[in-house]
Amino acid sequence: MPSLVSATIVTYKGYEKAKEAIASLICHTKEVSLKIFVVDNASGDSTAERLRQEFKDVEVVENDSNKGFGSGHNTVLPLLESDYHLIVNPDIVVESDVVSELASFLDNNSEVGIVTPKILNLDSSDQELPKRQPVVAALIGRRILKKTLSKQVEYYQMKDTDLTKTVDIEFATGCFFMIRTDLFKQLKGFDTRFFLYYEDIDLSRRVLELMRVVYMPSSYVFHAWERSSAHKFRYFVILVQGMFKYFNKWGWKIRYNFHTSS
């Protein structure tokens, strides 16, 4: 019997991108049963209603306020009856049956809790998103002191690992991954203290206490990555707030121990 897969896309305005993401998932998912939920975080425009009219089989849930990315995805937790659940950004597009490929991988690897594909830019270049758990030096080194902290950044980005092969990772990006639904429910979804950014790192870390997190580059999706935190001050502030929340929760490890795998 084919696996049952559910998916959530959280919207805040952005009807056109969400429409394209949904249409591509519906078009290319062939080998599993897919139920898509859209959670609209109080867009204040016609996004929710237009998507409801456009896609009759998609369940649209409208929140009365915008409580963030993780909270939006958690809205559907009581509604999920699937084997596996997809977290999907509205700026994702697929052109193959990646959903069935990821589900098949989980079918055959019972010790894996999360699997994530290769994430590509729209020009097909690799966004290089598989990572280890972050430390302060690696995050600072990505933005400033790049030469001084290059070793920490490269280790964080798994530059010492062959990422052309399926491999265990420590951080699955929240733009697109598949998680076992019972595990997602057991963990009560995302930690809603994170409004945006770091909720995916936090969830990956909690999953790793119970199961494996795996990167499968033979499957891929396209991501129209805007890097809002690099261009808009408001999002940069949210990013920094998320960083403080993350390290306050998990501890302020300053540097990697390069003699270990984390």
C-alpha atoms as a PDB file:
ATOM      1  CA  MET A   1       0.000   0.000   0.000  1.00  0.00           C
ATOM      2  CA  PRO A   2       1.415   3.448  -0.896  1.00  0.00           C
ATOM      3  CA  SER A   3       2.532   5.659   1.956  1.00  0.00           C
ATOM      4  CA  LEU A   4       0.291   8.474   3.100  1.00  0.00           C
ATOM      5  CA  VAL A   5       2.112  11.801   2.972  1.00  0.00           C
ATOM      6  CA  SER A   6       0.886  15.152   4.223  1.00  0.00           C
ATOM      7  CA  ALA A   7       2.468  18.536   3.598  1.00  0.00           C
ATOM      8  CA  THR A   8       2.127  22.027   4.984  1.00  0.00           C
ATOM      9  CA  ILE A   9       2.904  25.299   3.289  1.00  0.00           C
ATOM     10  CA  VAL A  10       2.732  28.374   5.517  1.00  0.00           C
ATOM     11  CA  THR A  11       1.830  31.556   3.679  1.00  0.00           C
ATOM     12  CA  TYR A  12       2.061  35.212   4.545  1.00  0.00           C
ATOM     13  CA  LYS A  13       0.863  36.979   1.397  1.00  0.00           C
ATOM     14  CA  GLY A  14       2.766  35.606  -1.613  1.00  0.00           C
ATOM     15  CA  TYR A  15      -0.116  33.937  -3.443  1.00  0.00           C
ATOM     16  CA  GLU A  16       1.748  33.438  -6.722  1.00  0.00           C
ATOM     17  CA  LYS A  17       4.676  31.536  -5.229  1.00  0.00           C
ATOM     18  CA  ALA A  18       2.439  29.362  -3.090  1.00  0.00           C
ATOM     19  CA  LYS A  19       0.274  28.594  -6.127  1.00  0.00           C
ATOM     20  CA  GLU A  20       3.337  27.457  -8.094  1.00  0.00           C
ATOM     21  CA  ALA A  21       4.610  25.307  -5.208  1.00  0.00           C
ATOM     22  CA  ILE A  22       1.259  23.578  -4.750  1.00  0.00           C
ATOM     23  CA  ALA A  23       0.739  23.019  -8.467  1.00  0.00           C
ATOM     24  CA  SER A  24       4.187  21.467  -8.879  1.00  0.00           C
ATOM     25  CA  LEU A  25       3.665  19.103  -5.938  1.00  0.00           C
ATOM     26  CA  ILE A  26       0.286  17.975  -7.240  1.00  0.00           C
ATOM     27  CA  CYS A  27       1.578  17.548 -10.787  1.00  0.00           C
ATOM     28  CA  HIS A  28       4.666  15.481  -9.968  1.00  0.00           C
ATOM     29  CA  THR A  29       3.619  13.375  -6.977  1.00  0.00           C
ATOM     30  CA  LYS A  30       2.575  10.030  -8.458  1.00  0.00           C
ATOM     31  CA  GLU A  31       3.486   7.074  -6.244  1.00  0.00           C
ATOM     32  CA  VAL A  32       2.111   8.169  -2.859  1.00  0.00           C
ATOM     33  CA  SER A  33      -1.103   9.699  -1.576  1.00  0.00           C
ATOM     34  CA  LEU A  34      -0.480  13.381  -0.844  1.00  0.00           C
ATOM     35  CA  LYS A  35      -2.636  15.663   1.305  1.00  0.00           C
ATOM     36  CA  ILE A  36      -1.632  19.326   1.211  1.00  0.00           C
ATOM     37  CA  PHE A  37      -2.471  21.855   3.906  1.00  0.00           C
ATOM     38  CA  VAL A  38      -1.983  25.598   3.492  1.00  0.00           C
ATOM     39  CA  VAL A  39      -1.780  27.602   6.694  1.00  0.00           C
ATOM     40  CA  ASP A  40      -2.238  31.318   6.093  1.00  0.00           C
ATOM     41  CA  ASN A  41      -0.715  33.453   8.832  1.00  0.00           C
ATOM     42  CA  ALA A  42      -3.178  36.345   8.635  1.00  0.00           C
ATOM     43  CA  SER A  43      -1.975  37.648   5.274  1.00  0.00           C
ATOM     44  CA  GLY A  44      -4.642  40.321   5.264  1.00  0.00           C
ATOM     45  CA  ASP A  45      -5.107  39.909   1.530  1.00  0.00           C
ATOM     46  CA  SER A  46      -6.835  37.361  -0.685  1.00  0.00           C
ATOM     47  CA  THR A  47      -4.091  34.692  -0.528  1.00  0.00           C
ATOM     48  CA  ALA A  48      -6.066  32.137   1.482  1.00  0.00           C
ATOM     49  CA  GLU A  49      -9.297  32.497  -0.450  1.00  0.00           C
ATOM     50  CA  ARG A  50      -7.612  32.447  -3.851  1.00  0.00           C
ATOM     51  CA  LEU A  51      -5.708  29.261  -2.990  1.00  0.00           C
ATOM     52  CA  ARG A  52      -8.894  27.688  -1.654  1.00  0.00           C
ATOM     53  CA  GLN A  53     -10.658  28.444  -4.920  1.00  0.00           C
ATOM     54  CA  GLU A  54      -7.720  27.369  -7.061  1.00  0.00           C
ATOM     55  CA  PHE A  55      -7.108  24.000  -5.374  1.00  0.00           C
ATOM     56  CA  LYS A  56     -10.298  22.252  -4.256  1.00  0.00           C
ATOM     57  CA  ASP A  57      -8.452  19.309  -2.671  1.00  0.00           C
ATOM     58  CA  VAL A  58      -6.079  21.473  -0.633  1.00  0.00           C
ATOM     59  CA  GLU A  59      -7.174  22.258   2.910  1.00  0.00           C
ATOM     60  CA  VAL A  60      -6.638  25.932   3.719  1.00  0.00           C
ATOM     61  CA  VAL A  61      -6.448  26.954   7.376  1.00  0.00           C
ATOM     62  CA  GLU A  62      -6.519  30.649   8.265  1.00  0.00           C
ATOM     63  CA  ASN A  63      -4.822  31.804  11.453  1.00  0.00           C
ATOM     64  CA  ASP A  64      -6.048  35.018  13.055  1.00  0.00           C
ATOM     65  CA  SER A  65      -2.508  36.303  13.617  1.00  0.00           C
ATOM     66  CA  ASN A  66       1.025  35.764  12.369  1.00  0.00           C
ATOM     67  CA  LYS A  67       2.854  33.831  15.070  1.00  0.00           C
ATOM     68  CA  GLY A  68       5.688  32.742  12.835  1.00  0.00           C
ATOM     69  CA  PHE A  69       6.932  29.863  10.717  1.00  0.00           C
ATOM     70  CA  GLY A  70       7.006  27.074  13.284  1.00  0.00           C
ATOM     71  CA  SER A  71       3.712  28.024  14.892  1.00  0.00           C
ATOM     72  CA  GLY A  72       2.092  28.095  11.466  1.00  0.00           C
ATOM     73  CA  HIS A  73       3.246  24.577  10.663  1.00  0.00           C
ATOM     74  CA  ASN A  74       2.179  23.333  14.092  1.00  0.00           C
ATOM     75  CA  THR A  75      -1.383  24.459  13.369  1.00  0.00           C
ATOM     76  CA  VAL A  76      -2.057  21.243  11.445  1.00  0.00           C
ATOM     77  CA  LEU A  77      -0.583  18.798  13.986  1.00  0.00           C
ATOM     78  CA  PRO A  78      -4.025  17.652  15.222  1.00  0.00           C
ATOM     79  CA  LEU A  79      -5.178  17.138  11.617  1.00  0.00           C
ATOM     80  CA  LEU A  80      -2.375  14.837  10.473  1.00  0.00           C
ATOM     81  CA  GLU A  81      -3.183  11.201   9.754  1.00  0.00           C
ATOM     82  CA  SER A  82      -0.240  10.474   7.477  1.00  0.00           C
ATOM     83  CA  ASP A  83       2.823   8.253   7.658  1.00  0.00           C
ATOM     84  CA  TYR A  84       5.187  11.063   6.720  1.00  0.00           C
ATOM     85  CA  HIS A  85       4.893  14.829   6.764  1.00  0.00           C
ATOM     86  CA  LEU A  86       6.519  17.412   4.502  1.00  0.00           C
ATOM     87  CA  ILE A  87       7.567  20.875   5.545  1.00  0.00           C
ATOM     88  CA  VAL A  88       7.477  22.997   2.394  1.00  0.00           C
ATOM     89  CA  ASN A  89       8.328  26.648   1.843  1.00  0.00           C
ATOM     90  CA  PRO A  90       6.000  28.514  -0.525  1.00  0.00           C
ATOM     91  CA  ASP A  91       9.038  29.368  -2.688  1.00  0.00           C
ATOM     92  CA  ILE A  92       9.772  25.698  -3.470  1.00  0.00           C
ATOM     93  CA  VAL A  93       9.152  24.131  -6.872  1.00  0.00           C
ATOM     94  CA  VAL A  94       9.546  20.446  -7.762  1.00  0.00           C
ATOM     95  CA  GLU A  95       9.925  18.931 -11.214  1.00  0.00           C
ATOM     96  CA  SER A  96      10.053  15.227 -10.296  1.00  0.00           C
ATOM     97  CA  ASP A  97       8.365  12.848  -7.869  1.00  0.00           C
ATOM     98  CA  VAL A  98      10.662  13.826  -5.019  1.00  0.00           C
ATOM     99  CA  VAL A  99       7.860  13.255  -2.495  1.00  0.00           C
ATOM    100  CA  SER A 100       7.601   9.575  -3.371  1.00  0.00           C
ATOM    101  CA  GLU A 101      11.389   9.222  -3.453  1.00  0.00           C
ATOM    102  CA  LEU A 102      11.755  10.571   0.079  1.00  0.00           C
ATOM    103  CA  ALA A 103       8.851   8.470   1.333  1.00  0.00           C
ATOM    104  CA  SER A 104      10.424   5.350  -0.164  1.00  0.00           C
ATOM    105  CA  PHE A 105      13.681   6.146   1.603  1.00  0.00           C
ATOM    106  CA  LEU A 106      11.899   6.383   4.950  1.00  0.00           C
ATOM    107  CA  ASP A 107      10.009   3.169   4.169  1.00  0.00           C
ATOM    108  CA  ASN A 108      13.351   1.393   3.822  1.00  0.00           C
ATOM    109  CA  ASN A 109      15.264   3.101   6.643  1.00  0.00           C
ATOM    110  CA  SER A 110      13.297   2.774   9.869  1.00  0.00           C
ATOM    111  CA  GLU A 111      16.016   4.444  11.956  1.00  0.00           C
ATOM    112  CA  VAL A 112      15.790   7.727   9.995  1.00  0.00           C
ATOM    113  CA  GLY A 113      13.495  10.445  11.344  1.00  0.00           C
ATOM    114  CA  ILE A 114      14.089  13.201   8.783  1.00  0.00           C
ATOM    115  CA  VAL A 115      15.242  13.054   5.180  1.00  0.00           C
ATOM    116  CA  THR A 116      15.972  16.105   3.064  1.00  0.00           C
ATOM    117  CA  PRO A 117      16.901  16.342  -0.652  1.00  0.00           C
ATOM    118  CA  LYS A 118      19.406  18.535  -2.437  1.00  0.00           C
ATOM    119  CA  ILE A 119      18.168  22.143  -2.559  1.00  0.00           C
ATOM    120  CA  LEU A 120      18.934  23.965  -5.792  1.00  0.00           C
ATOM    121  CA  ASN A 121      18.740  27.588  -6.868  1.00  0.00           C
ATOM    122  CA  LEU A 122      16.503  28.321  -9.841  1.00  0.00           C
ATOM    123  CA  ASP A 123      19.609  28.219 -12.082  1.00  0.00           C
ATOM    124  CA  SER A 124      20.278  24.646 -10.833  1.00  0.00           C
ATOM    125  CA  SER A 125      23.300  25.614  -8.735  1.00  0.00           C
ATOM    126  CA  ASP A 126      23.545  23.921  -5.337  1.00  0.00           C
ATOM    127  CA  GLN A 127      22.543  25.970  -2.276  1.00  0.00           C
ATOM    128  CA  GLU A 128      24.844  23.734  -0.149  1.00  0.00           C
ATOM    129  CA  LEU A 129      22.445  23.579   2.781  1.00  0.00           C
ATOM    130  CA  PRO A 130      23.417  20.344   4.641  1.00  0.00           C
ATOM    131  CA  LYS A 131      25.195  21.403   7.811  1.00  0.00           C
ATOM    132  CA  ARG A 132      26.377  20.386  11.225  1.00  0.00           C
ATOM    133  CA  GLN A 133      24.926  21.913  14.364  1.00  0.00           C
ATOM    134  CA  PRO A 134      26.156  25.512  14.598  1.00  0.00           C
ATOM    135  CA  VAL A 135      28.523  27.101  17.057  1.00  0.00           C
ATOM    136  CA  VAL A 136      28.941  30.840  17.582  1.00  0.00           C
ATOM    137  CA  ALA A 137      32.256  31.062  15.737  1.00  0.00           C
ATOM    138  CA  ALA A 138      30.837  29.439  12.604  1.00  0.00           C
ATOM    139  CA  LEU A 139      27.852  31.789  12.477  1.00  0.00           C
ATOM    140  CA  ILE A 140      30.012  34.881  13.024  1.00  0.00           C
ATOM    141  CA  GLY A 141      32.475  33.656  10.443  1.00  0.00           C
ATOM    142  CA  ARG A 142      29.770  33.437   7.776  1.00  0.00           C
ATOM    143  CA  ARG A 143      29.186  37.189   7.994  1.00  0.00           C
ATOM    144  CA  ILE A 144      32.352  38.738   9.446  1.00  0.00           C
ATOM    145  CA  LEU A 145      35.913  37.555  10.239  1.00  0.00           C
ATOM    146  CA  LYS A 146      35.578  35.172   7.304  1.00  0.00           C
ATOM    147  CA  LYS A 147      39.317  34.530   6.955  1.00  0.00           C
ATOM    148  CA  THR A 148      39.946  34.160  10.671  1.00  0.00           C
ATOM    149  CA  LEU A 149      37.074  31.754  11.226  1.00  0.00           C
ATOM    150  CA  SER A 150      37.150  29.970   7.866  1.00  0.00           C
ATOM    151  CA  LYS A 151      37.961  26.601   9.455  1.00  0.00           C
ATOM    152  CA  GLN A 152      34.890  26.801  11.696  1.00  0.00           C
ATOM    153  CA  VAL A 153      32.644  27.863   8.801  1.00  0.00           C
ATOM    154  CA  GLU A 154      33.884  25.090   6.509  1.00  0.00           C
ATOM    155  CA  TYR A 155      33.345  22.478   9.209  1.00  0.00           C
ATOM    156  CA  TYR A 156      29.834  23.793   9.863  1.00  0.00           C
ATOM    157  CA  GLN A 157      29.130  23.574   6.122  1.00  0.00           C
ATOM    158  CA  MET A 158      30.480  19.984   5.993  1.00  0.00           C
ATOM    159  CA  LYS A 159      33.193  20.839   3.462  1.00  0.00           C
ATOM    160  CA  ASP A 160      35.128  17.797   4.717  1.00  0.00           C
ATOM    161  CA  THR A 161      32.298  15.449   3.683  1.00  0.00           C
ATOM    162  CA  ASP A 162      31.382  13.952   0.308  1.00  0.00           C
ATOM    163  CA  LEU A 163      27.928  15.465  -0.175  1.00  0.00           C
ATOM    164  CA  THR A 164      27.389  13.756  -3.506  1.00  0.00           C
ATOM    165  CA  LYS A 165      26.344  10.678  -1.527  1.00  0.00           C
ATOM    166  CA  THR A 166      23.535  10.013   0.939  1.00  0.00           C
ATOM    167  CA  VAL A 167      24.933  11.018   4.321  1.00  0.00           C
ATOM    168  CA  ASP A 168      23.918  11.744   7.888  1.00  0.00           C
ATOM    169  CA  ILE A 169      23.686  15.434   8.744  1.00  0.00           C
ATOM    170  CA  GLU A 170      22.849  17.427  11.868  1.00  0.00           C
ATOM    171  CA  PHE A 171      20.723  20.238  10.441  1.00  0.00           C
ATOM    172  CA  ALA A 172      17.964  19.802   7.849  1.00  0.00           C
ATOM    173  CA  THR A 173      16.851  23.101   6.348  1.00  0.00           C
ATOM    174  CA  GLY A 174      13.254  24.070   7.025  1.00  0.00           C
ATOM    175  CA  CYS A 175      12.585  25.007   3.394  1.00  0.00           C
ATOM    176  CA  PHE A 176      11.901  21.361   2.471  1.00  0.00           C
ATOM    177  CA  PHE A 177      12.198  18.125   4.421  1.00  0.00           C
ATOM    178  CA  MET A 178      10.184  15.017   5.232  1.00  0.00           C
ATOM    179  CA  ILE A 179       9.692  13.807   8.815  1.00  0.00           C
ATOM    180  CA  ARG A 180       7.875  10.807  10.238  1.00  0.00           C
ATOM    181  CA  THR A 181       4.466  12.109  11.273  1.00  0.00           C
ATOM    182  CA  ASP A 182       4.383  10.200  14.560  1.00  0.00           C
ATOM    183  CA  LEU A 183       7.806  11.636  15.436  1.00  0.00           C
ATOM    184  CA  PHE A 184       6.704  15.166  14.505  1.00  0.00           C
ATOM    185  CA  LYS A 185       3.701  14.750  16.808  1.00  0.00           C
ATOM    186  CA  GLN A 186       5.800  13.194  19.569  1.00  0.00           C
ATOM    187  CA  LEU A 187       8.083  16.237  19.525  1.00  0.00           C
ATOM    188  CA  LYS A 188       5.037  18.546  19.387  1.00  0.00           C
ATOM    189  CA  GLY A 189       6.282  20.083  16.182  1.00  0.00           C
ATOM    190  CA  PHE A 190       8.481  23.136  16.101  1.00  0.00           C
ATOM    191  CA  ASP A 191       9.440  25.079  19.209  1.00  0.00           C
ATOM    192  CA  THR A 192       7.201  28.129  18.793  1.00  0.00           C
ATOM    193  CA  ARG A 193       9.556  30.355  20.772  1.00  0.00           C
ATOM    194  CA  PHE A 194      11.345  30.771  17.431  1.00  0.00           C
ATOM    195  CA  PHE A 195       9.346  33.141  15.225  1.00  0.00           C
ATOM    196  CA  LEU A 196      11.503  32.636  12.136  1.00  0.00           C
ATOM    197  CA  TYR A 197      14.996  31.113  11.768  1.00  0.00           C
ATOM    198  CA  TYR A 198      16.586  28.450  13.992  1.00  0.00           C
ATOM    199  CA  GLU A 199      13.377  26.506  14.492  1.00  0.00           C
ATOM    200  CA  ASP A 200      14.599  24.002  11.888  1.00  0.00           C
ATOM    201  CA  ILE A 201      18.006  23.666  13.578  1.00  0.00           C
ATOM    202  CA  ASP A 202      16.273  23.145  16.902  1.00  0.00           C
ATOM    203  CA  LEU A 203      13.910  20.497  15.508  1.00  0.00           C
ATOM    204  CA  SER A 204      16.795  18.681  13.809  1.00  0.00           C
ATOM    205  CA  ARG A 205      18.637  18.578  17.100  1.00  0.00           C
ATOM    206  CA  ARG A 206      15.626  17.162  18.957  1.00  0.00           C
ATOM    207  CA  VAL A 207      15.127  14.538  16.250  1.00  0.00           C
ATOM    208  CA  LEU A 208      18.791  13.520  16.548  1.00  0.00           C
ATOM    209  CA  GLU A 209      18.215  12.594  20.177  1.00  0.00           C
ATOM    210  CA  LEU A 210      15.905   9.829  18.905  1.00  0.00           C
ATOM    211  CA  MET A 211      16.648   9.076  15.249  1.00  0.00           C
ATOM    212  CA  ARG A 212      18.924   9.923  12.318  1.00  0.00           C
ATOM    213  CA  VAL A 213      18.698  12.963  10.034  1.00  0.00           C
ATOM    214  CA  VAL A 214      19.787  12.216   6.467  1.00  0.00           C
ATOM    215  CA  TYR A 215      20.627  14.196   3.324  1.00  0.00           C
ATOM    216  CA  MET A 216      19.721  12.426   0.065  1.00  0.00           C
ATOM    217  CA  PRO A 217      21.238  14.332  -2.889  1.00  0.00           C
ATOM    218  CA  SER A 218      19.854  11.971  -5.532  1.00  0.00           C
ATOM    219  CA  SER A 219      16.545  13.834  -5.069  1.00  0.00           C
ATOM    220  CA  TYR A 220      16.237  17.591  -5.457  1.00  0.00           C
ATOM    221  CA  VAL A 221      13.910  20.580  -5.352  1.00  0.00           C
ATOM    222  CA  PHE A 222      14.244  24.194  -6.492  1.00  0.00           C
ATOM    223  CA  HIS A 223      14.197  27.012  -3.960  1.00  0.00           C
ATOM    224  CA  ALA A 224      13.784  30.689  -4.893  1.00  0.00           C
ATOM    225  CA  TRP A 225      15.921  31.741  -1.940  1.00  0.00           C
ATOM    226  CA  GLU A 226      15.672  35.459  -1.177  1.00  0.00           C
ATOM    227  CA  ARG A 227      18.072  35.507   1.824  1.00  0.00           C
ATOM    228  CA  SER A 228      15.888  38.101   3.522  1.00  0.00           C
ATOM    229  CA  SER A 229      18.140  38.364   6.579  1.00  0.00           C
ATOM    230  CA  ALA A 230      21.007  39.526   4.361  1.00  0.00           C
ATOM    231  CA  HIS A 231      18.997  42.286   2.676  1.00  0.00           C
ATOM    232  CA  LYS A 232      16.340  43.455   5.125  1.00  0.00           C
ATOM    233  CA  PHE A 233      17.235  44.781   8.572  1.00  0.00           C
ATOM    234  CA  ARG A 234      13.984  43.550  10.152  1.00  0.00           C
ATOM    235  CA  TYR A 235      14.745  39.967   9.189  1.00  0.00           C
ATOM    236  CA  PHE A 236      18.349  40.307  10.318  1.00  0.00           C
ATOM    237  CA  VAL A 237      17.079  41.340  13.765  1.00  0.00           C
ATOM    238  CA  ILE A 238      14.765  38.304  13.841  1.00  0.00           C
ATOM    239  CA  LEU A 239      17.722  36.123  12.829  1.00  0.00           C
ATOM    240  CA  VAL A 240      19.865  37.438  15.688  1.00  0.00           C
ATOM    241  CA  GLN A 241      17.002  36.999  18.153  1.00  0.00           C
ATOM    242  CA  GLY A 242      16.623  33.417  16.990  1.00  0.00           C
ATOM    243  CA  MET A 243      20.338  32.798  17.445  1.00  0.00           C
ATOM    244  CA  PHE A 244      20.214  34.004  21.049  1.00  0.00           C
ATOM    245  CA  LYS A 245      17.157  31.858  21.754  1.00  0.00           C
ATOM    246  CA  TYR A 246      18.852  28.829  20.227  1.00  0.00           C
ATOM    247  CA  PHE A 247      22.114  29.142  22.166  1.00  0.00           C
ATOM    248  CA  ASN A 248      20.312  30.046  25.386  1.00  0.00           C
ATOM    249  CA  LYS A 249      18.402  26.776  24.975  1.00  0.00           C
ATOM    250  CA  TRP A 250      21.242  24.496  23.908  1.00  0.00           C
ATOM    251  CA  GLY A 251      24.325  26.173  25.366  1.00  0.00           C
ATOM    252  CA  TRP A 252      26.849  28.691  24.123  1.00  0.00           C
ATOM    253  CA  LYS A 253      29.449  26.420  22.565  1.00  0.00           C
ATOM    254  CA  ILE A 254      32.073  28.766  21.118  1.00  0.00           C
ATOM    255  CA  ARG A 255      34.246  26.545  18.911  1.00  0.00           C
ATOM    256  CA  TYR A 256      34.158  23.118  17.320  1.00  0.00           C
ATOM    257  CA  ASN A 257      36.281  20.291  18.624  1.00  0.00           C
ATOM    258  CA  PHE A 258      37.699  19.160  15.299  1.00  0.00           C
ATOM    259  CA  HIS A 259      38.670  15.804  16.738  1.00  0.00           C
ATOM    260  CA  THR A 260      34.974  14.815  16.922  1.00  0.00           C
ATOM    261  CA  SER A 261      32.155  14.653  14.360  1.00  0.00           C
ATOM    262  CA  SER A 262      30.175  17.533  15.883  1.00  0.00           C
END
